């Protein structure tokens, strides 16, 4: 995998680790400013759900990070493709069900990384 591909995949991995941190540790503090459409009382009542979402984002970040360290070039691309598509699908679903801006923040960067992964 080339350095440019690794950088883009690494950025998406870091994004998902950041989302994981926000969901698992800052849900009540930062959640209301991110999800402005939701009632502020919702956040204290949904901490376990947010921590669960955070775990899933950590899996995306871990899978993308793993893909960078795989030495077989075919497997590296296959694993990166799988986790990037998962991030794109998760972002599209969140766009449709939670917050419209998630597409630009999550799906679009992963889509760009996916295109770079297969174009270079």
Protein backbone atom coordinates (compact mmCIF):
# COMPACT_ATOMS: atom_id res chain seq x y z
CA UNK A 1 0.00 0.00 0.00
CA UNK A 2 1.41 3.41 -0.92
CA UNK A 3 2.01 6.16 1.59
CA UNK A 4 -0.78 8.33 0.19
CA UNK A 5 -3.28 5.50 0.60
CA UNK A 6 -2.03 4.84 4.12
CA UNK A 7 -2.42 8.52 5.04
CA UNK A 8 -6.02 8.67 3.83
CA UNK A 9 -6.95 5.40 5.51
CA UNK A 10 -5.18 6.56 8.67
CA UNK A 11 -7.21 9.78 8.69
CA UNK A 12 -10.46 7.82 8.45
CA UNK A 13 -9.26 5.46 11.21
CA UNK A 14 -8.45 8.43 13.45
CA UNK A 15 -11.86 9.92 12.73
CA UNK A 16 -13.54 6.73 13.95
CA UNK A 17 -11.38 6.59 17.06
CA UNK A 18 -12.38 10.21 17.71
CA UNK A 19 -16.07 9.35 17.23
CA UNK A 20 -15.58 6.40 19.59
CA UNK A 21 -14.08 8.68 22.22
CA UNK A 22 -16.92 11.17 21.87
CA UNK A 23 -19.60 8.48 22.12
CA UNK A 24 -18.03 6.56 24.98
CA UNK A 25 -16.68 9.36 27.15
CA UNK A 26 -18.17 12.72 26.12
CA UNK A 27 -21.72 11.77 25.10
CA UNK A 28 -23.46 13.97 27.67
CA UNK A 29 -21.06 16.91 27.31
CA UNK A 30 -20.56 17.09 23.53
CA UNK A 31 -23.53 15.12 22.19
CA UNK A 32 -26.05 17.98 22.45
CA UNK A 33 -23.81 20.32 20.46
CA UNK A 34 -23.33 17.71 17.72
CA UNK A 35 -26.89 16.38 17.52
CA UNK A 36 -28.79 19.65 17.75
CA UNK A 37 -32.07 18.06 16.61
CA UNK A 38 -32.29 15.91 19.73
CA UNK A 39 -33.72 16.90 23.09
CA UNK A 40 -30.92 17.58 25.60
CA UNK A 41 -32.55 15.22 28.13
CA UNK A 42 -32.05 12.36 25.70
CA UNK A 43 -28.30 12.22 26.21
CA UNK A 44 -28.21 11.26 29.88
CA UNK A 45 -30.75 8.51 29.20
CA UNK A 46 -28.84 7.01 26.28
CA UNK A 47 -25.32 6.66 27.68
CA UNK A 48 -25.25 2.83 27.37
CA UNK A 49 -26.45 3.07 23.77
CA UNK A 50 -23.78 5.67 22.97
CA UNK A 51 -21.06 3.50 24.49
CA UNK A 52 -22.28 0.63 22.31
CA UNK A 53 -22.06 2.87 19.23
CA UNK A 54 -18.57 3.87 20.34
CA UNK A 55 -17.45 0.25 20.40
CA UNK A 56 -18.58 -0.18 16.80
CA UNK A 57 -16.65 2.92 15.76
CA UNK A 58 -13.58 1.54 17.51
CA UNK A 59 -13.93 -1.62 15.39
CA UNK A 60 -13.94 0.51 12.23
CA UNK A 61 -10.86 2.40 13.40
CA UNK A 62 -9.08 -0.80 14.40
CA UNK A 63 -9.89 -2.53 11.10
CA UNK A 64 -8.64 0.41 9.07
CA UNK A 65 -5.47 0.61 11.16
CA UNK A 66 -4.96 -3.14 10.74
CA UNK A 67 -5.25 -2.77 6.95
CA UNK A 68 -2.28 -0.40 6.94
CA UNK A 69 -0.05 -2.98 8.64
CA UNK A 70 -0.98 -5.99 6.51
CA UNK A 71 2.04 -6.85 4.38
CA UNK A 72 0.22 -8.69 1.59
CA UNK A 73 -0.87 -5.92 -0.82
CA UNK A 74 -4.02 -7.70 -2.02
CA UNK A 75 -5.24 -8.48 1.51
CA UNK A 76 -4.37 -4.98 2.65
CA UNK A 77 -6.58 -3.46 -0.04
CA UNK A 78 -9.36 -5.99 0.57
CA UNK A 79 -9.47 -5.33 4.31
CA UNK A 80 -9.27 -1.54 3.82
CA UNK A 81 -12.07 -1.74 1.24
CA UNK A 82 -14.29 -3.70 3.61
CA UNK A 83 -13.86 -1.28 6.51
CA UNK A 84 -14.17 1.83 4.32
CA UNK A 85 -17.43 0.50 2.85
CA UNK A 86 -18.65 -0.22 6.40
CA UNK A 87 -17.85 3.39 7.36
CA UNK A 88 -19.66 4.70 4.26
CA UNK A 89 -22.76 2.59 4.95
CA UNK A 90 -22.80 3.56 8.65
CA UNK A 91 -22.53 7.22 7.68
CA UNK A 92 -25.34 6.96 5.15
CA UNK A 93 -27.58 5.26 7.70
CA UNK A 94 -26.78 7.93 10.31
CA UNK A 95 -27.51 10.61 7.70
CA UNK A 96 -30.93 9.11 7.05
CA UNK A 97 -31.82 8.49 10.70
CA UNK A 98 -29.96 10.98 12.89
CA UNK A 99 -28.12 13.99 11.46
CA UNK A 100 -27.84 15.09 7.83
CA UNK A 101 -24.30 16.44 8.26
CA UNK A 102 -22.94 12.96 9.01
CA UNK A 103 -22.69 12.24 5.29
CA UNK A 104 -20.18 15.04 4.76
CA UNK A 105 -18.32 14.28 7.99
CA UNK A 106 -18.15 10.48 7.76
CA UNK A 107 -19.30 8.94 4.47
CA UNK A 108 -17.73 11.41 2.06
CA UNK A 109 -14.19 11.21 3.53
CA UNK A 110 -14.40 7.40 3.56
CA UNK A 111 -15.64 7.45 -0.04
CA UNK A 112 -12.72 9.66 -1.06
CA UNK A 113 -10.30 7.29 0.69
CA UNK A 114 -11.94 4.34 -1.08
CA UNK A 115 -11.54 6.02 -4.47
CA UNK A 116 -7.89 6.83 -3.75
CA UNK A 117 -7.32 3.27 -2.55
CA UNK A 118 -8.48 1.86 -5.89
CA UNK A 119 -7.31 4.63 -8.21
CA UNK A 120 -3.63 4.77 -7.28
